[in-house]
Amino acid sequence: MNPRRHQNDTKTFEELTFEEQVLAMNMNALQFRKQLKAHLRRADKEGRSRHDVLVTRLTLLRNILDDYADQVKEPISSVQVRKRSEPRSPSGGTL
């Protein structure tokens, strides 16, 4: 399979700069959020369990992230996550 799926793609993910990879991963995360919302709406329409759908998706994400958890000194649940409404300082941290 060709890793350059779209005609306008000129680089594979590996060929992107670090900053370009960050942007691509952020876009993927935002797309996943939209897909999950649509998936939950579909589950509701089809009478499926939202709980089961969420557990399945969370398990997927947990499996992906668990591969790297040992590289983090503190548990992910204790990492401070900035809320969307919190402003950022010029140095990049929250105010």
PDB file of N, CA and C in Angstrom:
ATOM      1  N   MET A   1       0.842  -1.187   0.000  1.00  0.00           N
ATOM      2  CA  MET A   1       0.000   0.000   0.000  1.00  0.00           C
ATOM      3  C   MET A   1       0.881   1.243   0.000  1.00  0.00           C
ATOM      4  N   ASN A   2       0.539   2.180  -0.813  1.00  0.00           N
ATOM      5  CA  ASN A   2       1.306   3.413  -0.924  1.00  0.00           C
ATOM      6  C   ASN A   2       1.024   4.306   0.278  1.00  0.00           C
ATOM      7  N   PRO A   3       2.061   4.694   1.058  1.00  0.00           N
ATOM      8  CA  PRO A   3       1.828   5.548   2.225  1.00  0.00           C
ATOM      9  C   PRO A   3       1.390   6.959   1.832  1.00  0.00           C
ATOM     10  N   ARG A   4       1.555   7.316   0.586  1.00  0.00           N
ATOM     11  CA  ARG A   4       1.120   8.641   0.096  1.00  0.00           C
ATOM     12  C   ARG A   4      -0.228   8.469  -0.592  1.00  0.00           C
ATOM     13  N   ARG A   5      -1.283   8.501   0.210  1.00  0.00           N
ATOM     14  CA  ARG A   5      -2.606   8.136  -0.260  1.00  0.00           C
ATOM     15  C   ARG A   5      -3.271   9.207  -1.105  1.00  0.00           C
ATOM     16  N   HIS A   6      -2.916  10.443  -0.913  1.00  0.00           N
ATOM     17  CA  HIS A   6      -3.582  11.531  -1.618  1.00  0.00           C
ATOM     18  C   HIS A   6      -2.625  12.150  -2.621  1.00  0.00           C
ATOM     19  N   GLN A   7      -3.162  12.637  -3.718  1.00  0.00           N
ATOM     20  CA  GLN A   7      -2.317  13.200  -4.769  1.00  0.00           C
ATOM     21  C   GLN A   7      -1.478  14.366  -4.272  1.00  0.00           C
ATOM     22  N   ASN A   8      -2.017  15.154  -3.347  1.00  0.00           N
ATOM     23  CA  ASN A   8      -1.300  16.332  -2.865  1.00  0.00           C
ATOM     24  C   ASN A   8      -0.268  15.999  -1.794  1.00  0.00           C
ATOM     25  N   ASP A   9      -0.278  14.771  -1.263  1.00  0.00           N
ATOM     26  CA  ASP A   9       0.712  14.383  -0.260  1.00  0.00           C
ATOM     27  C   ASP A   9       2.075  14.298  -0.922  1.00  0.00           C
ATOM     28  N   THR A  10       3.034  14.964  -0.321  1.00  0.00           N
ATOM     29  CA  THR A  10       4.379  14.906  -0.869  1.00  0.00           C
ATOM     30  C   THR A  10       5.346  14.212   0.076  1.00  0.00           C
ATOM     31  N   LYS A  11       4.932  13.979   1.324  1.00  0.00           N
ATOM     32  CA  LYS A  11       5.793  13.355   2.315  1.00  0.00           C
ATOM     33  C   LYS A  11       5.020  12.279   3.072  1.00  0.00           C
ATOM     34  N   THR A  12       5.740  11.244   3.498  1.00  0.00           N
ATOM     35  CA  THR A  12       5.156  10.296   4.436  1.00  0.00           C
ATOM     36  C   THR A  12       5.249  10.930   5.816  1.00  0.00           C
ATOM     37  N   PHE A  13       4.568  10.341   6.793  1.00  0.00           N
ATOM     38  CA  PHE A  13       4.622  10.871   8.153  1.00  0.00           C
ATOM     39  C   PHE A  13       6.058  10.905   8.661  1.00  0.00           C
ATOM     40  N   GLU A  14       6.819   9.878   8.365  1.00  0.00           N
ATOM     41  CA  GLU A  14       8.223   9.806   8.792  1.00  0.00           C
ATOM     42  C   GLU A  14       9.047  10.954   8.228  1.00  0.00           C
ATOM     43  N   GLU A  15       8.699  11.426   7.060  1.00  0.00           N
ATOM     44  CA  GLU A  15       9.459  12.491   6.399  1.00  0.00           C
ATOM     45  C   GLU A  15       9.106  13.888   6.909  1.00  0.00           C
ATOM     46  N   LEU A  16       8.008  14.006   7.652  1.00  0.00           N
ATOM     47  CA  LEU A  16       7.602  15.315   8.176  1.00  0.00           C
ATOM     48  C   LEU A  16       8.577  15.775   9.252  1.00  0.00           C
ATOM     49  N   THR A  17       8.666  17.088   9.430  1.00  0.00           N
ATOM     50  CA  THR A  17       9.449  17.631  10.540  1.00  0.00           C
ATOM     51  C   THR A  17       8.702  17.332  11.833  1.00  0.00           C
ATOM     52  N   PHE A  18       9.356  17.525  12.949  1.00  0.00           N
ATOM     53  CA  PHE A  18       8.716  17.296  14.247  1.00  0.00           C
ATOM     54  C   PHE A  18       7.457  18.145  14.367  1.00  0.00           C
ATOM     55  N   GLU A  19       7.566  19.431  14.001  1.00  0.00           N
ATOM     56  CA  GLU A  19       6.420  20.340  14.112  1.00  0.00           C
ATOM     57  C   GLU A  19       5.281  19.902  13.190  1.00  0.00           C
ATOM     58  N   GLU A  20       5.609  19.448  11.994  1.00  0.00           N
ATOM     59  CA  GLU A  20       4.577  18.967  11.073  1.00  0.00           C
ATOM     60  C   GLU A  20       3.911  17.703  11.616  1.00  0.00           C
ATOM     61  N   GLN A  21       4.702  16.836  12.255  1.00  0.00           N
ATOM     62  CA  GLN A  21       4.130  15.636  12.864  1.00  0.00           C
ATOM     63  C   GLN A  21       3.175  16.006  13.990  1.00  0.00           C
ATOM     64  N   VAL A  22       3.553  16.999  14.802  1.00  0.00           N
ATOM     65  CA  VAL A  22       2.687  17.460  15.891  1.00  0.00           C
ATOM     66  C   VAL A  22       1.349  17.939  15.325  1.00  0.00           C
ATOM     67  N   LEU A  23       1.417  18.767  14.289  1.00  0.00           N
ATOM     68  CA  LEU A  23       0.184  19.276  13.682  1.00  0.00           C
ATOM     69  C   LEU A  23      -0.665  18.135  13.129  1.00  0.00           C
ATOM     70  N   ALA A  24      -0.031  17.182  12.469  1.00  0.00           N
ATOM     71  CA  ALA A  24      -0.766  16.055  11.904  1.00  0.00           C
ATOM     72  C   ALA A  24      -1.419  15.225  13.006  1.00  0.00           C
ATOM     73  N   MET A  25      -0.699  14.983  14.089  1.00  0.00           N
ATOM     74  CA  MET A  25      -1.262  14.197  15.189  1.00  0.00           C
ATOM     75  C   MET A  25      -2.401  14.942  15.868  1.00  0.00           C
ATOM     76  N   ASN A  26      -2.267  16.249  16.031  1.00  0.00           N
ATOM     77  CA  ASN A  26      -3.358  17.045  16.613  1.00  0.00           C
ATOM     78  C   ASN A  26      -4.594  16.989  15.729  1.00  0.00           C
ATOM     79  N   MET A  27      -4.383  17.071  14.425  1.00  0.00           N
ATOM     80  CA  MET A  27      -5.521  16.995  13.499  1.00  0.00           C
ATOM     81  C   MET A  27      -6.175  15.615  13.580  1.00  0.00           C
ATOM     82  N   ASN A  28      -5.361  14.577  13.715  1.00  0.00           N
ATOM     83  CA  ASN A  28      -5.918  13.224  13.862  1.00  0.00           C
ATOM     84  C   ASN A  28      -6.734  13.108  15.141  1.00  0.00           C
ATOM     85  N   ALA A  29      -6.241  13.698  16.228  1.00  0.00           N
ATOM     86  CA  ALA A  29      -6.965  13.649  17.505  1.00  0.00           C
ATOM     87  C   ALA A  29      -8.300  14.382  17.394  1.00  0.00           C
ATOM     88  N   LEU A  30      -8.297  15.538  16.743  1.00  0.00           N
ATOM     89  CA  LEU A  30      -9.545  16.280  16.560  1.00  0.00           C
ATOM     90  C   LEU A  30     -10.513  15.504  15.678  1.00  0.00           C
ATOM     91  N   GLN A  31      -9.985  14.861  14.634  1.00  0.00           N
ATOM     92  CA  GLN A  31     -10.824  14.049  13.757  1.00  0.00           C
ATOM     93  C   GLN A  31     -11.401  12.863  14.524  1.00  0.00           C
ATOM     94  N   PHE A  32     -10.590  12.242  15.385  1.00  0.00           N
ATOM     95  CA  PHE A  32     -11.072  11.122  16.194  1.00  0.00           C
ATOM     96  C   PHE A  32     -12.212  11.579  17.106  1.00  0.00           C
ATOM     97  N   ARG A  33     -12.083  12.767  17.685  1.00  0.00           N
ATOM     98  CA  ARG A  33     -13.146  13.298  18.544  1.00  0.00           C
ATOM     99  C   ARG A  33     -14.448  13.421  17.756  1.00  0.00           C
ATOM    100  N   LYS A  34     -14.380  13.970  16.539  1.00  0.00           N
ATOM    101  CA  LYS A  34     -15.573  14.105  15.706  1.00  0.00           C
ATOM    102  C   LYS A  34     -16.136  12.739  15.344  1.00  0.00           C
ATOM    103  N   GLN A  35     -15.247  11.803  15.015  1.00  0.00           N
ATOM    104  CA  GLN A  35     -15.693  10.462  14.660  1.00  0.00           C
ATOM    105  C   GLN A  35     -16.366   9.772  15.840  1.00  0.00           C
ATOM    106  N   LEU A  36     -15.813   9.954  17.027  1.00  0.00           N
ATOM    107  CA  LEU A  36     -16.396   9.336  18.216  1.00  0.00           C
ATOM    108  C   LEU A  36     -17.789   9.890  18.494  1.00  0.00           C
ATOM    109  N   LYS A  37     -17.962  11.204  18.354  1.00  0.00           N
ATOM    110  CA  LYS A  37     -19.287  11.794  18.554  1.00  0.00           C
ATOM    111  C   LYS A  37     -20.289  11.216  17.566  1.00  0.00           C
ATOM    112  N   ALA A  38     -19.879  11.095  16.301  1.00  0.00           N
ATOM    113  CA  ALA A  38     -20.766  10.525  15.279  1.00  0.00           C
ATOM    114  C   ALA A  38     -21.038   9.053  15.574  1.00  0.00           C
ATOM    115  N   HIS A  39     -20.028   8.342  16.019  1.00  0.00           N
ATOM    116  CA  HIS A  39     -20.161   6.922  16.341  1.00  0.00           C
ATOM    117  C   HIS A  39     -21.149   6.728  17.495  1.00  0.00           C
ATOM    118  N   LEU A  40     -21.082   7.607  18.500  1.00  0.00           N
ATOM    119  CA  LEU A  40     -22.013   7.526  19.629  1.00  0.00           C
ATOM    120  C   LEU A  40     -23.439   7.860  19.194  1.00  0.00           C
ATOM    121  N   ARG A  41     -23.581   8.843  18.299  1.00  0.00           N
ATOM    122  CA  ARG A  41     -24.920   9.155  17.779  1.00  0.00           C
ATOM    123  C   ARG A  41     -25.492   7.946  17.031  1.00  0.00           C
ATOM    124  N   ARG A  42     -24.627   7.291  16.227  1.00  0.00           N
ATOM    125  CA  ARG A  42     -25.075   6.104  15.488  1.00  0.00           C
ATOM    126  C   ARG A  42     -25.444   4.985  16.464  1.00  0.00           C
ATOM    127  N   ALA A  43     -24.653   4.816  17.501  1.00  0.00           N
ATOM    128  CA  ALA A  43     -24.947   3.795  18.512  1.00  0.00           C
ATOM    129  C   ALA A  43     -26.316   4.059  19.143  1.00  0.00           C
ATOM    130  N   ASP A  44     -26.588   5.333  19.463  1.00  0.00           N
ATOM    131  CA  ASP A  44     -27.888   5.693  20.038  1.00  0.00           C
ATOM    132  C   ASP A  44     -29.019   5.353  19.066  1.00  0.00           C
ATOM    133  N   LYS A  45     -28.851   5.710  17.783  1.00  0.00           N
ATOM    134  CA  LYS A  45     -29.886   5.451  16.779  1.00  0.00           C
ATOM    135  C   LYS A  45     -30.156   3.964  16.619  1.00  0.00           C
ATOM    136  N   GLU A  46     -29.096   3.164  16.752  1.00  0.00           N
ATOM    137  CA  GLU A  46     -29.249   1.720  16.553  1.00  0.00           C
ATOM    138  C   GLU A  46     -29.525   0.973  17.857  1.00  0.00           C
ATOM    139  N   GLY A  47     -29.715   1.728  18.954  1.00  0.00           N
ATOM    140  CA  GLY A  47     -30.045   1.105  20.229  1.00  0.00           C
ATOM    141  C   GLY A  47     -28.891   0.340  20.858  1.00  0.00           C
ATOM    142  N   ARG A  48     -27.680   0.702  20.502  1.00  0.00           N
ATOM    143  CA  ARG A  48     -26.507   0.039  21.083  1.00  0.00           C
ATOM    144  C   ARG A  48     -26.118   0.736  22.388  1.00  0.00           C
ATOM    145  N   SER A  49     -25.357   0.065  23.189  1.00  0.00           N
ATOM    146  CA  SER A  49     -24.952   0.599  24.491  1.00  0.00           C
ATOM    147  C   SER A  49     -23.836   1.630  24.328  1.00  0.00           C
ATOM    148  N   ARG A  50     -24.122   2.873  24.726  1.00  0.00           N
ATOM    149  CA  ARG A  50     -23.080   3.918  24.720  1.00  0.00           C
ATOM    150  C   ARG A  50     -21.910   3.506  25.596  1.00  0.00           C
ATOM    151  N   HIS A  51     -22.246   2.901  26.731  1.00  0.00           N
ATOM    152  CA  HIS A  51     -21.206   2.471  27.669  1.00  0.00           C
ATOM    153  C   HIS A  51     -20.257   1.485  26.998  1.00  0.00           C
ATOM    154  N   ASP A  52     -20.809   0.483  26.312  1.00  0.00           N
ATOM    155  CA  ASP A  52     -19.974  -0.513  25.640  1.00  0.00           C
ATOM    156  C   ASP A  52     -19.127   0.115  24.542  1.00  0.00           C
ATOM    157  N   VAL A  53     -19.723   1.042  23.786  1.00  0.00           N
ATOM    158  CA  VAL A  53     -18.982   1.725  22.722  1.00  0.00           C
ATOM    159  C   VAL A  53     -17.815   2.508  23.323  1.00  0.00           C
ATOM    160  N   LEU A  54     -18.086   3.250  24.381  1.00  0.00           N
ATOM    161  CA  LEU A  54     -17.035   4.049  25.013  1.00  0.00           C
ATOM    162  C   LEU A  54     -15.945   3.171  25.615  1.00  0.00           C
ATOM    163  N   VAL A  55     -16.329   2.089  26.256  1.00  0.00           N
ATOM    164  CA  VAL A  55     -15.330   1.183  26.830  1.00  0.00           C
ATOM    165  C   VAL A  55     -14.432   0.634  25.728  1.00  0.00           C
ATOM    166  N   THR A  56     -15.019   0.267  24.606  1.00  0.00           N
ATOM    167  CA  THR A  56     -14.235  -0.275  23.490  1.00  0.00           C
ATOM    168  C   THR A  56     -13.253   0.764  22.947  1.00  0.00           C
ATOM    169  N   ARG A  57     -13.716   1.984  22.753  1.00  0.00           N
ATOM    170  CA  ARG A  57     -12.838   3.037  22.219  1.00  0.00           C
ATOM    171  C   ARG A  57     -11.758   3.407  23.238  1.00  0.00           C
ATOM    172  N   LEU A  58     -12.132   3.494  24.522  1.00  0.00           N
ATOM    173  CA  LEU A  58     -11.145   3.805  25.556  1.00  0.00           C
ATOM    174  C   LEU A  58     -10.097   2.705  25.674  1.00  0.00           C
ATOM    175  N   THR A  59     -10.530   1.469  25.513  1.00  0.00           N
ATOM    176  CA  THR A  59      -9.587   0.353  25.542  1.00  0.00           C
ATOM    177  C   THR A  59      -8.594   0.467  24.390  1.00  0.00           C
ATOM    178  N   LEU A  60      -9.086   0.828  23.220  1.00  0.00           N
ATOM    179  CA  LEU A  60      -8.205   1.028  22.066  1.00  0.00           C
ATOM    180  C   LEU A  60      -7.147   2.087  22.371  1.00  0.00           C
ATOM    181  N   LEU A  61      -7.596   3.239  22.852  1.00  0.00           N
ATOM    182  CA  LEU A  61      -6.661   4.319  23.154  1.00  0.00           C
ATOM    183  C   LEU A  61      -5.707   3.943  24.279  1.00  0.00           C
ATOM    184  N   ARG A  62      -6.233   3.277  25.299  1.00  0.00           N
ATOM    185  CA  ARG A  62      -5.391   2.854  26.424  1.00  0.00           C
ATOM    186  C   ARG A  62      -4.311   1.883  25.946  1.00  0.00           C
ATOM    187  N   ASN A  63      -4.673   0.950  25.060  1.00  0.00           N
ATOM    188  CA  ASN A  63      -3.695   0.002  24.527  1.00  0.00           C
ATOM    189  C   ASN A  63      -2.588   0.720  23.757  1.00  0.00           C
ATOM    190  N   ILE A  64      -2.954   1.713  22.989  1.00  0.00           N
ATOM    191  CA  ILE A  64      -1.958   2.482  22.238  1.00  0.00           C
ATOM    192  C   ILE A  64      -1.030   3.214  23.198  1.00  0.00           C
ATOM    193  N   LEU A  65      -1.601   3.907  24.183  1.00  0.00           N
ATOM    194  CA  LEU A  65      -0.797   4.723  25.096  1.00  0.00           C
ATOM    195  C   LEU A  65      -0.017   3.887  26.105  1.00  0.00           C
ATOM    196  N   ASP A  66      -0.543   2.726  26.474  1.00  0.00           N
ATOM    197  CA  ASP A  66       0.154   1.882  27.449  1.00  0.00           C
ATOM    198  C   ASP A  66       1.526   1.430  26.946  1.00  0.00           C
ATOM    199  N   ASP A  67       1.688   1.350  25.638  1.00  0.00           N
ATOM    200  CA  ASP A  67       2.992   0.978  25.088  1.00  0.00           C
ATOM    201  C   ASP A  67       4.080   1.976  25.488  1.00  0.00           C
ATOM    202  N   TYR A  68       3.687   3.201  25.829  1.00  0.00           N
ATOM    203  CA  TYR A  68       4.650   4.256  26.141  1.00  0.00           C
ATOM    204  C   TYR A  68       4.584   4.710  27.592  1.00  0.00           C
ATOM    205  N   ALA A  69       3.673   4.145  28.369  1.00  0.00           N
ATOM    206  CA  ALA A  69       3.456   4.591  29.751  1.00  0.00           C
ATOM    207  C   ALA A  69       4.704   4.456  30.607  1.00  0.00           C
ATOM    208  N   ASP A  70       5.511   3.427  30.356  1.00  0.00           N
ATOM    209  CA  ASP A  70       6.712   3.241  31.172  1.00  0.00           C
ATOM    210  C   ASP A  70       7.752   4.327  30.929  1.00  0.00           C
ATOM    211  N   GLN A  71       7.582   5.123  29.883  1.00  0.00           N
ATOM    212  CA  GLN A  71       8.507   6.216  29.587  1.00  0.00           C
ATOM    213  C   GLN A  71       8.122   7.499  30.319  1.00  0.00           C
ATOM    214  N   VAL A  72       6.979   7.483  30.990  1.00  0.00           N
ATOM    215  CA  VAL A  72       6.503   8.640  31.734  1.00  0.00           C
ATOM    216  C   VAL A  72       6.725   8.361  33.217  1.00  0.00           C
ATOM    217  N   LYS A  73       7.352   9.310  33.920  1.00  0.00           N
ATOM    218  CA  LYS A  73       7.688   9.087  35.332  1.00  0.00           C
ATOM    219  C   LYS A  73       6.466   9.100  36.235  1.00  0.00           C
ATOM    220  N   GLU A  74       5.433   9.839  35.864  1.00  0.00           N
ATOM    221  CA  GLU A  74       4.243   9.921  36.698  1.00  0.00           C
ATOM    222  C   GLU A  74       3.063   9.325  35.933  1.00  0.00           C
ATOM    223  N   PRO A  75       2.093   8.775  36.639  1.00  0.00           N
ATOM    224  CA  PRO A  75       0.935   8.203  35.947  1.00  0.00           C
ATOM    225  C   PRO A  75       0.225   9.252  35.106  1.00  0.00           C
ATOM    226  N   ILE A  76      -0.267   8.854  33.958  1.00  0.00           N
ATOM    227  CA  ILE A  76      -0.951   9.789  33.063  1.00  0.00           C
ATOM    228  C   ILE A  76      -2.105  10.475  33.769  1.00  0.00           C
ATOM    229  N   SER A  77      -2.794   9.766  34.662  1.00  0.00           N
ATOM    230  CA  SER A  77      -3.941  10.349  35.351  1.00  0.00           C
ATOM    231  C   SER A  77      -3.536  11.513  36.252  1.00  0.00           C
ATOM    232  N   SER A  78      -2.237  11.610  36.629  1.00  0.00           N
ATOM    233  CA  SER A  78      -1.804  12.704  37.490  1.00  0.00           C
ATOM    234  C   SER A  78      -1.214  13.873  36.697  1.00  0.00           C
ATOM    235  N   VAL A  79      -1.067  13.716  35.389  1.00  0.00           N
ATOM    236  CA  VAL A  79      -0.528  14.796  34.561  1.00  0.00           C
ATOM    237  C   VAL A  79      -1.575  15.899  34.459  1.00  0.00           C
ATOM    238  N   GLN A  80      -1.140  17.135  34.651  1.00  0.00           N
ATOM    239  CA  GLN A  80      -2.056  18.265  34.560  1.00  0.00           C
ATOM    240  C   GLN A  80      -2.405  18.538  33.099  1.00  0.00           C
ATOM    241  N   VAL A  81      -3.676  18.557  32.786  1.00  0.00           N
ATOM    242  CA  VAL A  81      -4.140  18.822  31.441  1.00  0.00           C
ATOM    243  C   VAL A  81      -4.841  20.169  31.458  1.00  0.00           C
ATOM    244  N   ARG A  82      -4.440  21.045  30.542  1.00  0.00           N
ATOM    245  CA  ARG A  82      -5.026  22.374  30.449  1.00  0.00           C
ATOM    246  C   ARG A  82      -6.413  22.271  29.839  1.00  0.00           C
ATOM    247  N   LYS A  83      -7.377  22.911  30.472  1.00  0.00           N
ATOM    248  CA  LYS A  83      -8.720  22.969  29.922  1.00  0.00           C
ATOM    249  C   LYS A  83      -8.729  23.986  28.792  1.00  0.00           C
ATOM    250  N   ARG A  84      -9.640  23.807  27.844  1.00  0.00           N
ATOM    251  CA  ARG A  84      -9.694  24.701  26.680  1.00  0.00           C
ATOM    252  C   ARG A  84      -9.853  26.163  27.087  1.00  0.00           C
ATOM    253  N   SER A  85     -10.544  26.416  28.192  1.00  0.00           N
ATOM    254  CA  SER A  85     -10.822  27.798  28.599  1.00  0.00           C
ATOM    255  C   SER A  85      -9.661  28.441  29.335  1.00  0.00           C
ATOM    256  N   GLU A  86      -8.659  27.642  29.746  1.00  0.00           N
ATOM    257  CA  GLU A  86      -7.531  28.207  30.479  1.00  0.00           C
ATOM    258  C   GLU A  86      -6.572  28.891  29.520  1.00  0.00           C
ATOM    259  N   PRO A  87      -6.195  30.134  29.829  1.00  0.00           N
ATOM    260  CA  PRO A  87      -5.248  30.836  28.949  1.00  0.00           C
ATOM    261  C   PRO A  87      -3.839  30.271  29.107  1.00  0.00           C
ATOM    262  N   ARG A  88      -3.043  30.434  28.052  1.00  0.00           N
ATOM    263  CA  ARG A  88      -1.659  29.998  28.091  1.00  0.00           C
ATOM    264  C   ARG A  88      -0.758  31.196  28.319  1.00  0.00           C
ATOM    265  N   SER A  89       0.312  30.972  29.062  1.00  0.00           N
ATOM    266  CA  SER A  89       1.297  32.029  29.249  1.00  0.00           C
ATOM    267  C   SER A  89       2.181  32.078  28.016  1.00  0.00           C
ATOM    268  N   PRO A  90       2.940  33.150  27.821  1.00  0.00           N
ATOM    269  CA  PRO A  90       3.837  33.230  26.663  1.00  0.00           C
ATOM    270  C   PRO A  90       4.847  32.083  26.616  1.00  0.00           C
ATOM    271  N   SER A  91       5.191  31.499  27.779  1.00  0.00           N
ATOM    272  CA  SER A  91       6.150  30.390  27.802  1.00  0.00           C
ATOM    273  C   SER A  91       5.508  29.065  27.450  1.00  0.00           C
ATOM    274  N   GLY A  92       4.184  29.040  27.254  1.00  0.00           N
ATOM    275  CA  GLY A  92       3.500  27.825  26.859  1.00  0.00           C
ATOM    276  C   GLY A  92       2.740  27.147  27.972  1.00  0.00           C
ATOM    277  N   GLY A  93       2.958  27.510  29.229  1.00  0.00           N
ATOM    278  CA  GLY A  93       2.235  26.898  30.346  1.00  0.00           C
ATOM    279  C   GLY A  93       0.927  27.598  30.594  1.00  0.00           C
ATOM    280  N   THR A  94       0.165  27.073  31.540  1.00  0.00           N
ATOM    281  CA  THR A  94      -1.091  27.723  31.880  1.00  0.00           C
ATOM    282  C   THR A  94      -0.819  28.839  32.868  1.00  0.00           C
ATOM    283  N   LEU A  95      -1.685  29.826  32.864  1.00  0.00           N
ATOM    284  CA  LEU A  95      -1.540  30.964  33.776  1.00  0.00           C
ATOM    285  C   LEU A  95      -2.224  30.693  35.087  1.00  0.00           C
TER     286      LEU A  95
END
